[in-house]
Amino acid sequence: MDENKLKNFLINGFQPKEEREDPDEGSGEERIDEVTDDTEDYEVEDRSPRELPEDDFDIRTSMKDLETELIRIRYLVEDLRDSEPAMPDMSQYMTTREQFKSVTAAVSKRDAEAGYKALVNAMEAVSVMREDFFKLCQGMRERIDEMSAETVLSSFEAYSVDMENILTDGGVFIGAFPYDRLNTLHHRIVGVVPTGEADKDGMIAERLSDGYKIGDKVLLKEKVKVFKYDAKLAAPEETSSETPSETVSEPAGNEEADNKAENSKEEEE
């Protein structure tokens, strides 16, 4: 705000504005006449639709020609696809790392499929075995008064054959592992047999159970007893071997002494 207007406002206060007369108020009609005179100089363009040139152009014929051309192009593309040569073998351009990855992926996929198939077969056999077990229990319950302990035991022992067949079909090895000396990856020590022979230390003395293995994975270790060298057992054997020689040598010495004594007596006489 201007300083003069501010001073005037502070001294005189608020004053309403006076209506000013428009000096050109009576000349409105003259201005309208001037505008109409100016517009009369312009010519109005003709906005009527233009007439198309009269010739032999037919849009239907052009559409049919376009469709025919598209069909021809489609057939050409199909012929090119059919005649396209097969992709060449690019394995020779693969690096050793890429080849290793592809081979590993193929082997893993094959092993997974084989393992899944073996698992399904094993689960099917276990399901059948479970149903047979329930039938056996039901039959034994009905004849519990007639069955002896030997019959019951033989009925349960028959299931060991079924379980062995299931494991064998699944690719499980059952039996003794081919190691005569203790192998902690395949054997579990359940007993020790002391021995005085140092060569037998760590050798398997007795096999108490079978081992279970699938591939390179040991499912259940074989329970064994092993020999353990004991020096106390070896010492008596050495002493016992020395005592016979001493007992044999002692009589020989005594006889010589006796013979010498007798000879000396005879000479004196």
C-alpha atoms as a PDB file:
ATOM      1  CA  MET A   1       0.000   0.000   0.000  1.00  0.00           C
ATOM      2  CA  ASP A   2       1.207   3.514  -0.896  1.00  0.00           C
ATOM      3  CA  GLU A   3       2.291   5.791   2.023  1.00  0.00           C
ATOM      4  CA  ASN A   4       0.082   8.697   0.814  1.00  0.00           C
ATOM      5  CA  LYS A   5      -3.007   6.482   0.756  1.00  0.00           C
ATOM      6  CA  LEU A   6      -2.189   5.172   4.199  1.00  0.00           C
ATOM      7  CA  LYS A   7      -1.902   8.713   5.622  1.00  0.00           C
ATOM      8  CA  ASN A   8      -5.159   9.762   3.945  1.00  0.00           C
ATOM      9  CA  PHE A   9      -6.915   6.733   5.430  1.00  0.00           C
ATOM     10  CA  LEU A  10      -5.650   7.478   8.923  1.00  0.00           C
ATOM     11  CA  ILE A  11      -6.736  11.150   8.740  1.00  0.00           C
ATOM     12  CA  ASN A  12     -10.024  11.038   6.818  1.00  0.00           C
ATOM     13  CA  GLY A  13     -11.111   7.483   7.495  1.00  0.00           C
ATOM     14  CA  PHE A  14     -12.935   5.272   4.985  1.00  0.00           C
ATOM     15  CA  GLN A  15     -14.560   7.130   2.080  1.00  0.00           C
ATOM     16  CA  PRO A  16     -16.796   5.376  -0.508  1.00  0.00           C
ATOM     17  CA  LYS A  17     -15.769   5.680  -4.158  1.00  0.00           C
ATOM     18  CA  GLU A  18     -17.767   8.022  -6.366  1.00  0.00           C
ATOM     19  CA  GLU A  19     -19.386   6.632  -9.493  1.00  0.00           C
ATOM     20  CA  ARG A  20     -17.622   7.885 -12.536  1.00  0.00           C
ATOM     21  CA  GLU A  21     -19.429   8.644 -15.734  1.00  0.00           C
ATOM     22  CA  ASP A  22     -18.231   6.775 -18.782  1.00  0.00           C
ATOM     23  CA  PRO A  23     -17.246   9.403 -21.333  1.00  0.00           C
ATOM     24  CA  ASP A  24     -17.799   6.961 -24.174  1.00  0.00           C
ATOM     25  CA  GLU A  25     -21.258   5.779 -22.950  1.00  0.00           C
ATOM     26  CA  GLY A  26     -23.148   7.329 -25.855  1.00  0.00           C
ATOM     27  CA  SER A  27     -20.831   6.018 -28.524  1.00  0.00           C
ATOM     28  CA  GLY A  28     -21.805   2.287 -28.149  1.00  0.00           C
ATOM     29  CA  GLU A  29     -23.919   2.296 -31.271  1.00  0.00           C
ATOM     30  CA  GLU A  30     -21.122   3.826 -33.262  1.00  0.00           C
ATOM     31  CA  ARG A  31     -18.756   1.026 -32.213  1.00  0.00           C
ATOM     32  CA  ILE A  32     -21.252  -1.640 -33.244  1.00  0.00           C
ATOM     33  CA  ASP A  33     -21.533  -0.010 -36.667  1.00  0.00           C
ATOM     34  CA  GLU A  34     -17.751  -0.039 -37.017  1.00  0.00           C
ATOM     35  CA  VAL A  35     -17.562  -3.788 -36.182  1.00  0.00           C
ATOM     36  CA  THR A  36     -20.302  -4.623 -38.696  1.00  0.00           C
ATOM     37  CA  ASP A  37     -18.520  -2.617 -41.359  1.00  0.00           C
ATOM     38  CA  ASP A  38     -15.286  -4.506 -40.726  1.00  0.00           C
ATOM     39  CA  THR A  39     -16.951  -7.934 -40.944  1.00  0.00           C
ATOM     40  CA  GLU A  40     -18.525  -7.129 -44.284  1.00  0.00           C
ATOM     41  CA  ASP A  41     -15.088  -7.091 -45.878  1.00  0.00           C
ATOM     42  CA  TYR A  42     -14.486 -10.869 -45.092  1.00  0.00           C
ATOM     43  CA  GLU A  43     -15.796 -13.547 -47.437  1.00  0.00           C
ATOM     44  CA  VAL A  44     -17.406 -16.654 -45.911  1.00  0.00           C
ATOM     45  CA  GLU A  45     -15.827 -19.909 -47.068  1.00  0.00           C
ATOM     46  CA  ASP A  46     -18.001 -22.564 -48.610  1.00  0.00           C
ATOM     47  CA  ARG A  47     -18.301 -25.480 -46.084  1.00  0.00           C
ATOM     48  CA  SER A  48     -20.252 -27.833 -48.348  1.00  0.00           C
ATOM     49  CA  PRO A  49     -18.843 -31.448 -48.638  1.00  0.00           C
ATOM     50  CA  ARG A  50     -16.414 -32.022 -51.428  1.00  0.00           C
ATOM     51  CA  GLU A  51     -17.342 -34.360 -54.176  1.00  0.00           C
ATOM     52  CA  LEU A  52     -15.161 -37.467 -54.598  1.00  0.00           C
ATOM     53  CA  PRO A  53     -13.413 -37.796 -57.928  1.00  0.00           C
ATOM     54  CA  GLU A  54     -15.338 -39.926 -60.295  1.00  0.00           C
ATOM     55  CA  ASP A  55     -13.139 -42.898 -61.310  1.00  0.00           C
ATOM     56  CA  ASP A  56     -13.197 -46.712 -61.315  1.00  0.00           C
ATOM     57  CA  PHE A  57     -12.075 -47.012 -57.583  1.00  0.00           C
ATOM     58  CA  ASP A  58     -14.050 -49.730 -55.721  1.00  0.00           C
ATOM     59  CA  ILE A  59     -13.375 -50.282 -51.968  1.00  0.00           C
ATOM     60  CA  ARG A  60     -14.750 -53.829 -52.009  1.00  0.00           C
ATOM     61  CA  THR A  61     -12.317 -54.869 -54.674  1.00  0.00           C
ATOM     62  CA  SER A  62      -9.436 -53.353 -52.730  1.00  0.00           C
ATOM     63  CA  MET A  63     -10.472 -55.221 -49.542  1.00  0.00           C
ATOM     64  CA  LYS A  64     -10.580 -58.523 -51.396  1.00  0.00           C
ATOM     65  CA  ASP A  65      -7.149 -57.876 -52.852  1.00  0.00           C
ATOM     66  CA  LEU A  66      -5.832 -57.089 -49.362  1.00  0.00           C
ATOM     67  CA  GLU A  67      -7.278 -60.295 -47.923  1.00  0.00           C
ATOM     68  CA  THR A  68      -5.745 -62.306 -50.754  1.00  0.00           C
ATOM     69  CA  GLU A  69      -2.363 -60.750 -50.102  1.00  0.00           C
ATOM     70  CA  LEU A  70      -2.588 -61.511 -46.369  1.00  0.00           C
ATOM     71  CA  ILE A  71      -3.457 -65.155 -47.069  1.00  0.00           C
ATOM     72  CA  ARG A  72      -0.500 -65.430 -49.423  1.00  0.00           C
ATOM     73  CA  ILE A  73       1.833 -63.981 -46.773  1.00  0.00           C
ATOM     74  CA  ARG A  74       0.498 -66.421 -44.188  1.00  0.00           C
ATOM     75  CA  TYR A  75       1.190 -69.386 -46.461  1.00  0.00           C
ATOM     76  CA  LEU A  76       4.689 -68.081 -47.120  1.00  0.00           C
ATOM     77  CA  VAL A  77       5.377 -67.870 -43.380  1.00  0.00           C
ATOM     78  CA  GLU A  78       4.118 -71.420 -42.821  1.00  0.00           C
ATOM     79  CA  ASP A  79       6.329 -72.707 -45.633  1.00  0.00           C
ATOM     80  CA  LEU A  80       9.324 -70.975 -44.103  1.00  0.00           C
ATOM     81  CA  ARG A  81       8.607 -72.546 -40.724  1.00  0.00           C
ATOM     82  CA  ASP A  82       8.315 -76.018 -42.237  1.00  0.00           C
ATOM     83  CA  SER A  83      11.505 -75.643 -44.219  1.00  0.00           C
ATOM     84  CA  GLU A  84      13.459 -74.155 -41.294  1.00  0.00           C
ATOM     85  CA  PRO A  85      16.402 -76.422 -40.428  1.00  0.00           C
ATOM     86  CA  ALA A  86      16.664 -77.984 -36.965  1.00  0.00           C
ATOM     87  CA  MET A  87      18.705 -76.226 -34.344  1.00  0.00           C
ATOM     88  CA  PRO A  88      22.294 -77.468 -34.385  1.00  0.00           C
ATOM     89  CA  ASP A  89      23.882 -79.162 -31.385  1.00  0.00           C
ATOM     90  CA  MET A  90      25.455 -76.348 -29.384  1.00  0.00           C
ATOM     91  CA  SER A  91      26.949 -78.609 -26.716  1.00  0.00           C
ATOM     92  CA  GLN A  92      30.376 -78.348 -28.317  1.00  0.00           C
ATOM     93  CA  TYR A  93      30.340 -74.620 -27.628  1.00  0.00           C
ATOM     94  CA  MET A  94      29.401 -75.085 -23.947  1.00  0.00           C
ATOM     95  CA  THR A  95      31.990 -74.576 -21.254  1.00  0.00           C
ATOM     96  CA  THR A  96      33.009 -77.376 -18.912  1.00  0.00           C
ATOM     97  CA  ARG A  97      31.122 -75.759 -16.053  1.00  0.00           C
ATOM     98  CA  GLU A  98      27.894 -75.550 -18.074  1.00  0.00           C
ATOM     99  CA  GLN A  99      28.261 -79.162 -19.184  1.00  0.00           C
ATOM    100  CA  PHE A 100      28.825 -80.244 -15.590  1.00  0.00           C
ATOM    101  CA  LYS A 101      25.701 -78.370 -14.484  1.00  0.00           C
ATOM    102  CA  SER A 102      23.558 -79.918 -17.229  1.00  0.00           C
ATOM    103  CA  VAL A 103      24.814 -83.433 -16.486  1.00  0.00           C
ATOM    104  CA  THR A 104      24.331 -82.943 -12.742  1.00  0.00           C
ATOM    105  CA  ALA A 105      20.795 -81.698 -13.251  1.00  0.00           C
ATOM    106  CA  ALA A 106      19.952 -84.680 -15.476  1.00  0.00           C
ATOM    107  CA  VAL A 107      21.405 -87.171 -12.992  1.00  0.00           C
ATOM    108  CA  SER A 108      19.633 -85.522 -10.059  1.00  0.00           C
ATOM    109  CA  LYS A 109      16.334 -85.635 -11.902  1.00  0.00           C
ATOM    110  CA  ARG A 110      16.816 -89.312 -12.739  1.00  0.00           C
ATOM    111  CA  ASP A 111      17.738 -90.183  -9.162  1.00  0.00           C
ATOM    112  CA  ALA A 112      14.773 -88.243  -7.819  1.00  0.00           C
ATOM    113  CA  GLU A 113      12.378 -90.074 -10.127  1.00  0.00           C
ATOM    114  CA  ALA A 114      13.877 -93.471  -9.243  1.00  0.00           C
ATOM    115  CA  GLY A 115      13.826 -92.680  -5.529  1.00  0.00           C
ATOM    116  CA  TYR A 116      10.226 -91.511  -5.658  1.00  0.00           C
ATOM    117  CA  LYS A 117       9.181 -94.659  -7.511  1.00  0.00           C
ATOM    118  CA  ALA A 118      10.945 -96.892  -4.967  1.00  0.00           C
ATOM    119  CA  LEU A 119       9.351 -94.928  -2.117  1.00  0.00           C
ATOM    120  CA  VAL A 120       5.864 -95.340  -3.585  1.00  0.00           C
ATOM    121  CA  ASN A 121       6.371 -99.094  -3.981  1.00  0.00           C
ATOM    122  CA  ALA A 122       7.642 -99.397  -0.408  1.00  0.00           C
ATOM    123  CA  MET A 123       4.707 -97.430   0.986  1.00  0.00           C
ATOM    124  CA  GLU A 124       2.291 -99.613  -0.962  1.00  0.00           C
ATOM    125  CA  ALA A 125       3.883-102.761   0.483  1.00  0.00           C
ATOM    126  CA  VAL A 126       3.755-101.319   4.016  1.00  0.00           C
ATOM    127  CA  SER A 127       0.070-100.507   3.572  1.00  0.00           C
ATOM    128  CA  VAL A 128      -0.689-104.070   2.506  1.00  0.00           C
ATOM    129  CA  MET A 129       1.349-105.418   5.421  1.00  0.00           C
ATOM    130  CA  ARG A 130      -0.550-103.230   7.876  1.00  0.00           C
ATOM    131  CA  GLU A 131      -3.900-104.548   6.670  1.00  0.00           C
ATOM    132  CA  ASP A 132      -2.639-108.140   6.904  1.00  0.00           C
ATOM    133  CA  PHE A 133      -1.442-107.476  10.448  1.00  0.00           C
ATOM    134  CA  PHE A 134      -4.883-106.262  11.493  1.00  0.00           C
ATOM    135  CA  LYS A 135      -6.479-109.353   9.960  1.00  0.00           C
ATOM    136  CA  LEU A 136      -4.014-111.564  11.823  1.00  0.00           C
ATOM    137  CA  CYS A 137      -4.754-109.873  15.128  1.00  0.00           C
ATOM    138  CA  GLN A 138      -8.486-110.210  14.563  1.00  0.00           C
ATOM    139  CA  GLY A 139      -8.185-113.912  13.744  1.00  0.00           C
ATOM    140  CA  MET A 140      -5.966-114.550  16.753  1.00  0.00           C
ATOM    141  CA  ARG A 141      -8.422-112.767  19.022  1.00  0.00           C
ATOM    142  CA  GLU A 142     -11.238-115.017  17.823  1.00  0.00           C
ATOM    143  CA  ARG A 143      -9.149-118.161  18.413  1.00  0.00           C
ATOM    144  CA  ILE A 144      -7.192-116.998  21.433  1.00  0.00           C
ATOM    145  CA  ASP A 145      -8.369-119.940  23.567  1.00  0.00           C
ATOM    146  CA  GLU A 146      -7.304-122.528  20.981  1.00  0.00           C
ATOM    147  CA  MET A 147      -3.928-121.072  19.891  1.00  0.00           C
ATOM    148  CA  SER A 148      -0.700-122.028  21.618  1.00  0.00           C
ATOM    149  CA  ALA A 149       2.291-119.793  22.240  1.00  0.00           C
ATOM    150  CA  GLU A 150       4.254-121.516  19.467  1.00  0.00           C
ATOM    151  CA  THR A 151       1.496-120.776  16.925  1.00  0.00           C
ATOM    152  CA  VAL A 152       1.365-117.117  17.931  1.00  0.00           C
ATOM    153  CA  LEU A 153       5.140-116.797  17.680  1.00  0.00           C
ATOM    154  CA  SER A 154       5.277-118.434  14.244  1.00  0.00           C
ATOM    155  CA  SER A 155       2.544-116.079  13.008  1.00  0.00           C
ATOM    156  CA  PHE A 156       4.565-113.021  13.980  1.00  0.00           C
ATOM    157  CA  GLU A 157       7.803-114.468  12.635  1.00  0.00           C
ATOM    158  CA  ALA A 158       6.203-114.685   9.188  1.00  0.00           C
ATOM    159  CA  TYR A 159       6.143-110.889   9.071  1.00  0.00           C
ATOM    160  CA  SER A 160       9.943-110.742   9.145  1.00  0.00           C
ATOM    161  CA  VAL A 161       9.931-112.220   5.643  1.00  0.00           C
ATOM    162  CA  ASP A 162       7.458-109.588   4.444  1.00  0.00           C
ATOM    163  CA  MET A 163       9.542-106.756   5.918  1.00  0.00           C
ATOM    164  CA  GLU A 164      12.693-108.155   4.343  1.00  0.00           C
ATOM    165  CA  ASN A 165      10.989-108.274   0.935  1.00  0.00           C
ATOM    166  CA  ILE A 166       9.856-104.649   1.297  1.00  0.00           C
ATOM    167  CA  LEU A 167      13.366-103.479   2.154  1.00  0.00           C
ATOM    168  CA  THR A 168      14.953-105.531  -0.625  1.00  0.00           C
ATOM    169  CA  ASP A 169      12.526-104.163  -3.221  1.00  0.00           C
ATOM    170  CA  GLY A 170      13.420-100.656  -2.051  1.00  0.00           C
ATOM    171  CA  GLY A 171      17.118-101.284  -2.757  1.00  0.00           C
ATOM    172  CA  VAL A 172      18.239-101.875   0.848  1.00  0.00           C
ATOM    173  CA  PHE A 173      21.177-104.199   1.506  1.00  0.00           C
ATOM    174  CA  ILE A 174      20.587-106.524   4.479  1.00  0.00           C
ATOM    175  CA  GLY A 175      23.338-108.633   5.999  1.00  0.00           C
ATOM    176  CA  ALA A 176      26.885-108.568   7.305  1.00  0.00           C
ATOM    177  CA  PHE A 177      29.154-105.840   6.000  1.00  0.00           C
ATOM    178  CA  PRO A 178      32.327-107.098   4.267  1.00  0.00           C
ATOM    179  CA  TYR A 179      34.745-105.921   6.963  1.00  0.00           C
ATOM    180  CA  ASP A 180      36.707-108.246   9.279  1.00  0.00           C
ATOM    181  CA  ARG A 181      38.170-105.337  11.249  1.00  0.00           C
ATOM    182  CA  LEU A 182      36.119-102.732  13.138  1.00  0.00           C
ATOM    183  CA  ASN A 183      34.697-100.005  10.903  1.00  0.00           C
ATOM    184  CA  THR A 184      32.956 -97.310  12.933  1.00  0.00           C
ATOM    185  CA  LEU A 185      30.850 -96.207   9.953  1.00  0.00           C
ATOM    186  CA  HIS A 186      29.313 -99.667   9.602  1.00  0.00           C
ATOM    187  CA  HIS A 187      29.724-101.315  13.025  1.00  0.00           C
ATOM    188  CA  ARG A 188      28.497-100.607  16.536  1.00  0.00           C
ATOM    189  CA  ILE A 189      30.421-102.143  19.436  1.00  0.00           C
ATOM    190  CA  VAL A 190      28.192-103.849  22.002  1.00  0.00           C
ATOM    191  CA  GLY A 191      30.859-106.019  23.644  1.00  0.00           C
ATOM    192  CA  VAL A 192      34.602-106.608  23.989  1.00  0.00           C
ATOM    193  CA  VAL A 193      36.462-109.910  24.022  1.00  0.00           C
ATOM    194  CA  PRO A 194      39.933-109.657  25.647  1.00  0.00           C
ATOM    195  CA  THR A 195      42.773-111.459  23.901  1.00  0.00           C
ATOM    196  CA  GLY A 196      46.479-111.896  24.393  1.00  0.00           C
ATOM    197  CA  GLU A 197      47.252-111.830  20.659  1.00  0.00           C
ATOM    198  CA  ALA A 198      48.193-108.378  19.415  1.00  0.00           C
ATOM    199  CA  ASP A 199      47.275-109.251  15.831  1.00  0.00           C
ATOM    200  CA  LYS A 200      43.606-109.725  16.754  1.00  0.00           C
ATOM    201  CA  ASP A 201      43.246-106.297  18.364  1.00  0.00           C
ATOM    202  CA  GLY A 202      40.295-104.538  16.677  1.00  0.00           C
ATOM    203  CA  MET A 203      39.146-107.630  14.784  1.00  0.00           C
ATOM    204  CA  ILE A 204      35.493-108.654  14.875  1.00  0.00           C
ATOM    205  CA  ALA A 205      34.913-111.499  17.307  1.00  0.00           C
ATOM    206  CA  GLU A 206      31.171-112.012  16.877  1.00  0.00           C
ATOM    207  CA  ARG A 207      28.381-110.526  14.742  1.00  0.00           C
ATOM    208  CA  LEU A 208      25.161-110.034  16.690  1.00  0.00           C
ATOM    209  CA  SER A 209      22.854-108.436  14.071  1.00  0.00           C
ATOM    210  CA  ASP A 210      22.540-107.563  10.410  1.00  0.00           C
ATOM    211  CA  GLY A 211      23.495-104.254   8.871  1.00  0.00           C
ATOM    212  CA  TYR A 212      21.208-102.162   6.651  1.00  0.00           C
ATOM    213  CA  LYS A 213      22.489 -99.943   3.860  1.00  0.00           C
ATOM    214  CA  ILE A 214      21.022 -98.243   0.792  1.00  0.00           C
ATOM    215  CA  GLY A 215      23.515 -96.911  -1.708  1.00  0.00           C
ATOM    216  CA  ASP A 216      26.254 -95.176   0.282  1.00  0.00           C
ATOM    217  CA  LYS A 217      23.978 -94.437   3.233  1.00  0.00           C
ATOM    218  CA  VAL A 218      24.116 -96.745   6.271  1.00  0.00           C
ATOM    219  CA  LEU A 219      20.591 -97.064   7.633  1.00  0.00           C
ATOM    220  CA  LEU A 220      21.411 -99.263  10.611  1.00  0.00           C
ATOM    221  CA  LYS A 221      24.854-100.271  11.852  1.00  0.00           C
ATOM    222  CA  GLU A 222      25.815-103.892  12.436  1.00  0.00           C
ATOM    223  CA  LYS A 223      26.148-104.827  16.125  1.00  0.00           C
ATOM    224  CA  VAL A 224      29.400-106.684  16.821  1.00  0.00           C
ATOM    225  CA  LYS A 225      31.808-107.794  19.520  1.00  0.00           C
ATOM    226  CA  VAL A 226      35.496-107.034  18.934  1.00  0.00           C
ATOM    227  CA  PHE A 227      38.780-108.375  20.236  1.00  0.00           C
ATOM    228  CA  LYS A 228      40.823-106.147  22.544  1.00  0.00           C
ATOM    229  CA  TYR A 229      44.469-106.819  23.298  1.00  0.00           C
ATOM    230  CA  ASP A 230      45.323-107.339  26.973  1.00  0.00           C
ATOM    231  CA  ALA A 231      48.973-107.531  27.990  1.00  0.00           C
ATOM    232  CA  LYS A 232      48.115-109.445  31.170  1.00  0.00           C
ATOM    233  CA  LEU A 233      46.825-112.363  29.119  1.00  0.00           C
ATOM    234  CA  ALA A 234      49.993-112.423  27.019  1.00  0.00           C
ATOM    235  CA  ALA A 235      52.501-112.531  29.990  1.00  0.00           C
ATOM    236  CA  PRO A 236      51.492-115.947  31.434  1.00  0.00           C
ATOM    237  CA  GLU A 237      51.898-117.580  28.052  1.00  0.00           C
ATOM    238  CA  GLU A 238      55.545-116.401  27.830  1.00  0.00           C
ATOM    239  CA  THR A 239      56.388-117.592  31.347  1.00  0.00           C
ATOM    240  CA  SER A 240      54.725-120.937  30.790  1.00  0.00           C
ATOM    241  CA  SER A 241      56.784-121.467  27.663  1.00  0.00           C
ATOM    242  CA  GLU A 242      60.008-120.821  29.602  1.00  0.00           C
ATOM    243  CA  THR A 243      59.330-123.135  32.582  1.00  0.00           C
ATOM    244  CA  PRO A 244      59.524-126.484  30.721  1.00  0.00           C
ATOM    245  CA  SER A 245      63.080-125.763  29.543  1.00  0.00           C
ATOM    246  CA  GLU A 246      64.153-125.014  33.093  1.00  0.00           C
ATOM    247  CA  THR A 247      62.620-128.210  34.470  1.00  0.00           C
ATOM    248  CA  VAL A 248      64.325-130.268  31.783  1.00  0.00           C
ATOM    249  CA  SER A 249      67.742-128.691  32.324  1.00  0.00           C
ATOM    250  CA  GLU A 250      67.729-129.138  36.100  1.00  0.00           C
ATOM    251  CA  PRO A 251      67.728-133.001  36.095  1.00  0.00           C
ATOM    252  CA  ALA A 252      70.581-133.059  33.595  1.00  0.00           C
ATOM    253  CA  GLY A 253      72.773-130.953  35.914  1.00  0.00           C
ATOM    254  CA  ASN A 254      71.960-133.075  38.947  1.00  0.00           C
ATOM    255  CA  GLU A 255      72.871-136.310  37.146  1.00  0.00           C
ATOM    256  CA  GLU A 256      76.277-134.934  36.141  1.00  0.00           C
ATOM    257  CA  ALA A 257      76.958-133.865  39.716  1.00  0.00           C
ATOM    258  CA  ASP A 258      75.987-137.313  40.969  1.00  0.00           C
ATOM    259  CA  ASN A 259      78.185-139.027  38.415  1.00  0.00           C
ATOM    260  CA  LYS A 260      81.175-136.891  39.398  1.00  0.00           C
ATOM    261  CA  ALA A 261      80.635-137.661  43.045  1.00  0.00           C
ATOM    262  CA  GLU A 262      80.506-141.393  42.410  1.00  0.00           C
ATOM    263  CA  ASN A 263      83.664-141.288  40.269  1.00  0.00           C
ATOM    264  CA  SER A 264      85.561-139.404  42.969  1.00  0.00           C
ATOM    265  CA  LYS A 265      84.560-141.972  45.591  1.00  0.00           C
ATOM    266  CA  GLU A 266      85.747-144.850  43.408  1.00  0.00           C
ATOM    267  CA  GLU A 267      89.139-143.252  42.890  1.00  0.00           C
ATOM    268  CA  GLU A 268      89.600-142.720  46.608  1.00  0.00           C
ATOM    269  CA  GLU A 269      88.869-146.383  47.318  1.00  0.00           C
END
